[in-house]
């Protein structure tokens, strides 16, 4: 992975994050006044209703009810949400305090479902096109063959990182790969909570624990990416010497930079996940009011 290209990609996602958060920050919800609230008194049942069996009340918060699996590949305890109505966001949940833990099979299933979602293929194509235009990893060259190599490495980077962070390490370490949105407190509190989830996560038993899956999972993915299928060396095209050797890309420093960039991208993404439900509700409200 080209560090220059990775940093630009991180900046792009961070910009999207800032725009999303700005949209949420503009929302103003006037505080409710206790004196303005009138509590309705329950009415006594009529003589005709007294003989009828009592109906079971509906749950007050459906989001806290563990969702069941359906026939569309959705595992129990996951969602069908999509960031910006497109990108899979199946491991983010609102008010999921009482959800059961995911089994190893379910962790791999939901990661595979999101990684190989049809939306991902054009997304990888867009990222590869940006890398082609930026001439990231010049050893690939230009042309359709070079674009194919960039596409393959982009797909591999995304796939390996997703499985390492959300399936392999969580299964081995018994950690919960899901992100539970806070939706409480002000902007700063919620943003801080989202960022902290990079370093703190839940175990399968519901306890807080250092997020080994994110830190070591992304480090493993960065090492695999750097030392295997990405170009071994960097070349610089200069007049009279189109393939001037600059140096090896397979170094610990480069792997550490790729790791840091990936954690930065994951941090920006998780902040977007925290505020996306608010943005979604605001956009839905605007759509209904038009």
Protein backbone atom coordinates (compact mmCIF):
# COMPACT_ATOMS: atom_id res chain seq x y z
CA UNK A 1 0.00 0.00 0.00
CA UNK A 2 1.37 3.41 -0.93
CA UNK A 3 1.72 5.58 2.17
CA UNK A 4 1.00 8.74 0.20
CA UNK A 5 -2.16 7.23 -1.26
CA UNK A 6 -3.23 5.78 2.09
CA UNK A 7 -2.86 9.14 3.79
CA UNK A 8 -4.97 10.83 1.11
CA UNK A 9 -7.62 8.16 1.49
CA UNK A 10 -7.60 8.68 5.25
CA UNK A 11 -8.01 12.40 4.74
CA UNK A 12 -10.95 11.78 2.40
CA UNK A 13 -12.77 9.61 4.93
CA UNK A 14 -11.96 12.06 7.72
CA UNK A 15 -13.51 14.83 5.59
CA UNK A 16 -16.68 12.76 5.14
CA UNK A 17 -16.71 12.22 8.89
CA UNK A 18 -16.44 15.94 9.61
CA UNK A 19 -19.27 16.72 7.17
CA UNK A 20 -21.48 14.09 8.81
CA UNK A 21 -20.74 15.37 12.28
CA UNK A 22 -21.37 18.95 11.22
CA UNK A 23 -24.79 17.90 9.96
CA UNK A 24 -25.56 16.31 13.31
CA UNK A 25 -24.21 19.25 15.30
CA UNK A 26 -26.69 21.54 13.55
CA UNK A 27 -29.58 19.52 14.97
CA UNK A 28 -31.13 21.27 17.94
CA UNK A 29 -33.53 19.41 20.17
CA UNK A 30 -35.26 21.75 22.64
CA UNK A 31 -35.23 20.33 26.18
CA UNK A 32 -38.57 19.15 27.44
CA UNK A 33 -40.14 20.93 30.41
CA UNK A 34 -41.50 18.74 33.14
CA UNK A 35 -44.21 21.33 33.80
CA UNK A 36 -45.40 21.15 30.22
CA UNK A 37 -45.92 17.39 30.30
CA UNK A 38 -49.38 16.11 31.15
CA UNK A 39 -49.45 12.49 32.15
CA UNK A 40 -52.56 10.65 31.07
CA UNK A 41 -54.39 8.74 33.78
CA UNK A 42 -55.28 5.11 33.07
CA UNK A 43 -58.96 4.52 32.46
CA UNK A 44 -60.94 1.76 34.16
CA UNK A 45 -62.03 -1.02 31.81
CA UNK A 46 -65.61 -1.00 30.63
CA UNK A 47 -67.98 -3.81 31.70
CA UNK A 48 -67.72 -5.31 28.20
CA UNK A 49 -63.89 -5.33 28.38
CA UNK A 50 -63.60 -6.83 31.86
CA UNK A 51 -64.27 -10.33 30.59
CA UNK A 52 -61.66 -10.17 27.83
CA UNK A 53 -58.17 -11.62 28.38
CA UNK A 54 -55.46 -9.06 28.91
CA UNK A 55 -53.22 -8.44 25.90
CA UNK A 56 -49.44 -8.60 26.21
CA UNK A 57 -47.97 -5.08 25.98
CA UNK A 58 -45.47 -4.43 23.25
CA UNK A 59 -41.84 -3.98 24.31
CA UNK A 60 -40.95 -0.37 25.10
CA UNK A 61 -37.73 -0.52 23.12
CA UNK A 62 -37.62 -2.88 20.17
CA UNK A 63 -33.93 -2.10 19.64
CA UNK A 64 -33.13 -3.90 22.90
CA UNK A 65 -34.89 -7.06 21.74
CA UNK A 66 -32.43 -9.58 20.27
CA UNK A 67 -33.16 -9.75 16.54
CA UNK A 68 -33.69 -13.18 15.08
CA UNK A 69 -31.94 -14.55 12.04
CA UNK A 70 -33.80 -14.36 8.76
CA UNK A 71 -33.58 -16.12 5.43
CA UNK A 72 -31.45 -13.44 3.78
CA UNK A 73 -28.14 -14.37 5.39
CA UNK A 74 -28.54 -12.02 8.37
CA UNK A 75 -27.17 -13.48 11.59
CA UNK A 76 -28.99 -12.98 14.87
CA UNK A 77 -27.70 -9.98 16.80
CA UNK A 78 -26.62 -8.03 13.71
CA UNK A 79 -28.28 -5.32 11.64
CA UNK A 80 -29.17 -4.48 8.05
CA UNK A 81 -27.92 -0.91 8.32
CA UNK A 82 -25.90 0.81 5.59
CA UNK A 83 -23.75 3.92 5.93
CA UNK A 84 -25.02 6.61 3.58
CA UNK A 85 -27.60 4.05 2.38
CA UNK A 86 -24.86 2.08 0.60
CA UNK A 87 -21.85 0.77 2.53
CA UNK A 88 -22.56 -2.29 4.75
CA UNK A 89 -22.77 -1.46 8.46
CA UNK A 90 -24.03 -4.78 9.76
CA UNK A 91 -22.01 -4.82 12.99
CA UNK A 92 -23.29 -1.48 14.33
CA UNK A 93 -26.25 -1.51 16.72
CA UNK A 94 -28.30 0.96 18.73
CA UNK A 95 -29.34 0.10 22.29
CA UNK A 96 -28.00 -3.43 22.08
CA UNK A 97 -27.21 -3.95 25.75
CA UNK A 98 -29.13 -7.22 25.98
CA UNK A 99 -28.02 -8.90 22.77
CA UNK A 100 -26.61 -12.43 22.99
CA UNK A 101 -22.96 -13.02 22.01
CA UNK A 102 -22.11 -14.01 18.46
CA UNK A 103 -20.78 -17.48 17.85
CA UNK A 104 -17.60 -18.00 15.84
CA UNK A 105 -19.70 -19.06 12.85
CA UNK A 106 -21.84 -15.94 13.13
CA UNK A 107 -18.78 -13.67 13.34
CA UNK A 108 -17.34 -15.08 10.14
CA UNK A 109 -20.76 -15.09 8.49
CA UNK A 110 -21.53 -11.42 9.11
CA UNK A 111 -18.01 -10.33 8.10
CA UNK A 112 -18.26 -12.31 4.86
CA UNK A 113 -21.72 -10.82 4.24
CA UNK A 114 -20.39 -7.27 4.55
CA UNK A 115 -17.05 -7.83 2.82
CA UNK A 116 -18.52 -9.43 -0.28
CA UNK A 117 -21.62 -7.25 -0.47
CA UNK A 118 -22.30 -6.16 -4.10
CA UNK A 119 -21.70 -2.53 -3.13
CA UNK A 120 -18.09 -3.31 -2.22
CA UNK A 121 -17.01 -4.17 -5.75
CA UNK A 122 -17.63 -0.72 -7.30
CA UNK A 123 -16.26 0.84 -4.09
CA UNK A 124 -12.99 -1.06 -4.57
CA UNK A 125 -13.05 0.06 -8.19
CA UNK A 126 -13.32 3.70 -7.16
CA UNK A 127 -10.46 3.41 -4.65
CA UNK A 128 -8.34 1.66 -7.30
CA UNK A 129 -9.10 4.38 -9.84
CA UNK A 130 -7.97 7.05 -7.37
CA UNK A 131 -4.77 5.07 -6.79
CA UNK A 132 -4.26 4.77 -10.54
CA UNK A 133 -4.67 8.51 -11.03
CA UNK A 134 -2.34 9.18 -8.10
CA UNK A 135 0.12 6.59 -9.47
CA UNK A 136 0.31 4.92 -6.09
CA UNK A 137 2.88 2.15 -6.03
CA UNK A 138 4.56 3.11 -9.32
CA UNK A 139 5.89 -0.44 -9.72
CA UNK A 140 2.40 -1.36 -10.92
CA UNK A 141 2.74 1.05 -13.85
CA UNK A 142 -0.26 2.33 -15.79
CA UNK A 143 -2.87 0.86 -18.10
CA UNK A 144 -5.60 -1.72 -17.59
CA UNK A 145 -3.22 -4.41 -16.35
CA UNK A 146 -1.92 -2.04 -13.69
CA UNK A 147 -5.46 -1.09 -12.74
CA UNK A 148 -6.30 -4.78 -12.35
CA UNK A 149 -3.36 -5.21 -9.96
CA UNK A 150 -4.45 -2.19 -7.93
CA UNK A 151 -8.00 -3.51 -7.81
CA UNK A 152 -6.81 -6.95 -6.64
CA UNK A 153 -4.60 -5.49 -3.89
CA UNK A 154 -7.39 -3.14 -2.74
CA UNK A 155 -9.83 -6.03 -2.52
CA UNK A 156 -7.27 -8.16 -0.69
CA UNK A 157 -6.42 -5.36 1.78
CA UNK A 158 -10.08 -4.81 2.58
CA UNK A 159 -10.90 -8.51 2.89
CA UNK A 160 -7.93 -9.46 5.08
CA UNK A 161 -8.34 -6.47 7.39
CA UNK A 162 -12.07 -7.08 7.82
CA UNK A 163 -11.64 -10.75 8.69
CA UNK A 164 -8.66 -10.22 11.00
CA UNK A 165 -10.30 -7.40 12.99
CA UNK A 166 -13.90 -8.64 13.12
CA UNK A 167 -13.74 -12.43 12.78
CA UNK A 168 -10.38 -14.15 13.37
CA UNK A 169 -9.11 -12.27 16.42
CA UNK A 170 -12.58 -11.83 18.02
CA UNK A 171 -13.15 -15.58 17.70
CA UNK A 172 -9.77 -16.53 19.18
CA UNK A 173 -9.92 -13.90 21.97
CA UNK A 174 -13.69 -14.18 22.60
CA UNK A 175 -14.30 -10.49 21.91
CA UNK A 176 -17.45 -8.90 20.51
CA UNK A 177 -16.77 -7.29 17.07
CA UNK A 178 -19.99 -5.24 17.17
CA UNK A 179 -20.06 -1.48 17.72
CA UNK A 180 -22.73 -0.35 20.18
CA UNK A 181 -23.69 3.26 19.50
CA UNK A 182 -23.99 5.49 22.55
CA UNK A 183 -26.58 8.07 21.37
CA UNK A 184 -26.28 9.75 24.78
CA UNK A 185 -24.69 13.01 25.82
CA UNK A 186 -23.39 15.88 23.73
CA UNK A 187 -21.29 15.95 20.60
CA UNK A 188 -17.93 15.81 22.39
CA UNK A 189 -18.98 13.00 24.71
CA UNK A 190 -20.27 10.84 21.88
CA UNK A 191 -17.27 11.50 19.64
CA UNK A 192 -14.95 10.61 22.52
CA UNK A 193 -16.92 7.44 23.18
CA UNK A 194 -16.67 6.39 19.53
CA UNK A 195 -12.92 7.01 19.39
CA UNK A 196 -12.41 5.08 22.62
CA UNK A 197 -13.99 1.98 21.04
CA UNK A 198 -10.81 1.57 18.98
CA UNK A 199 -9.05 0.71 22.25
CA UNK A 200 -11.91 -0.65 24.38
CA UNK A 201 -14.41 -3.31 23.37
CA UNK A 202 -16.71 -5.89 24.92
CA UNK A 203 -15.93 -9.50 25.53
CA UNK A 204 -18.43 -12.15 24.53
CA UNK A 205 -19.54 -12.20 28.17
CA UNK A 206 -20.26 -8.46 28.12
CA UNK A 207 -17.25 -7.13 30.07
CA UNK A 208 -15.02 -4.26 28.92
CA UNK A 209 -11.57 -5.21 27.65
CA UNK A 210 -8.70 -3.74 25.67
CA UNK A 211 -9.51 -4.04 21.97
CA UNK A 212 -6.83 -6.56 21.05
CA UNK A 213 -8.83 -7.51 17.95
CA UNK A 214 -8.62 -4.03 16.43
CA UNK A 215 -5.00 -3.27 17.34
CA UNK A 216 -3.42 -6.66 16.66
CA UNK A 217 -5.85 -7.60 13.90
CA UNK A 218 -5.05 -4.48 11.87
CA UNK A 219 -1.32 -4.93 12.59
CA UNK A 220 -1.47 -8.49 11.26
CA UNK A 221 -3.34 -7.34 8.15
CA UNK A 222 -0.74 -4.59 7.57
CA UNK A 223 2.11 -7.09 7.87
CA UNK A 224 0.47 -9.53 5.43
CA UNK A 225 -0.21 -6.70 3.00
CA UNK A 226 3.32 -5.28 3.16
CA UNK A 227 5.32 -8.50 3.07
CA UNK A 228 3.34 -10.56 0.55
CA UNK A 229 1.34 -9.35 -2.44
CA UNK A 230 2.17 -5.61 -2.63
CA UNK A 231 5.17 -4.55 -4.78
CA UNK A 232 8.50 -5.47 -3.26
CA UNK A 233 10.25 -2.26 -4.31
CA UNK A 234 9.52 1.36 -5.18
CA UNK A 235 10.53 2.75 -8.56
CA UNK A 236 10.57 6.35 -9.69
CA UNK A 237 10.09 7.38 -13.30
CA UNK A 238 12.61 10.04 -14.34
CA UNK A 239 13.63 11.37 -17.76
CA UNK A 240 15.96 8.83 -19.32
CA UNK A 241 15.32 6.28 -16.57
CA UNK A 242 11.65 5.25 -16.35
CA UNK A 243 12.34 2.57 -13.73
CA UNK A 244 14.80 4.05 -11.26
CA UNK A 245 15.03 1.93 -8.13
CA UNK A 246 14.33 3.98 -5.01
CA UNK A 247 14.15 1.41 -2.24
CA UNK A 248 12.35 -1.57 -0.76
CA UNK A 249 8.78 -1.18 0.49
CA UNK A 250 8.99 -4.32 2.61
CA UNK A 251 10.28 -2.70 5.76
CA UNK A 252 9.07 -2.57 9.33
CA UNK A 253 8.67 1.21 9.07
CA UNK A 254 6.41 0.89 6.04
CA UNK A 255 4.35 -1.83 7.71
CA UNK A 256 3.98 0.37 10.81
CA UNK A 257 2.86 3.30 8.65
CA UNK A 258 0.27 1.15 6.90
CA UNK A 259 -0.93 -0.08 10.32
CA UNK A 260 -1.24 3.46 11.66
CA UNK A 261 -3.11 4.59 8.57
CA UNK A 262 -5.54 1.68 8.87
CA UNK A 263 -6.24 2.44 12.54
CA UNK A 264 -6.82 6.09 11.58
CA UNK A 265 -9.31 5.02 8.90
CA UNK A 266 -11.08 2.73 11.36
CA UNK A 267 -11.27 5.57 13.89
CA UNK A 268 -12.84 7.95 11.37
CA UNK A 269 -15.27 5.24 10.29
CA UNK A 270 -16.39 4.42 13.82
CA UNK A 271 -17.09 8.10 14.52
CA UNK A 272 -19.30 8.15 11.43
CA UNK A 273 -21.06 5.03 12.72
CA UNK A 274 -21.83 6.74 16.03
CA UNK A 275 -23.58 9.70 14.39
CA UNK A 276 -25.02 8.04 11.30
CA UNK A 277 -28.35 7.11 12.97
CA UNK A 278 -28.90 10.80 13.79
CA UNK A 279 -28.06 11.84 10.24
CA UNK A 280 -30.30 9.08 8.91
CA UNK A 281 -33.26 10.18 11.04
CA UNK A 282 -32.74 13.81 10.05
CA UNK A 283 -32.65 12.97 6.35
CA UNK A 284 -35.70 10.74 6.71
CA UNK A 285 -37.59 13.49 8.51
CA UNK A 286 -36.73 15.97 5.76
CA UNK A 287 -37.84 13.49 3.11
CA UNK A 288 -41.19 12.93 4.82
CA UNK A 289 -41.81 16.65 5.34
CA UNK A 290 -41.27 17.49 1.67
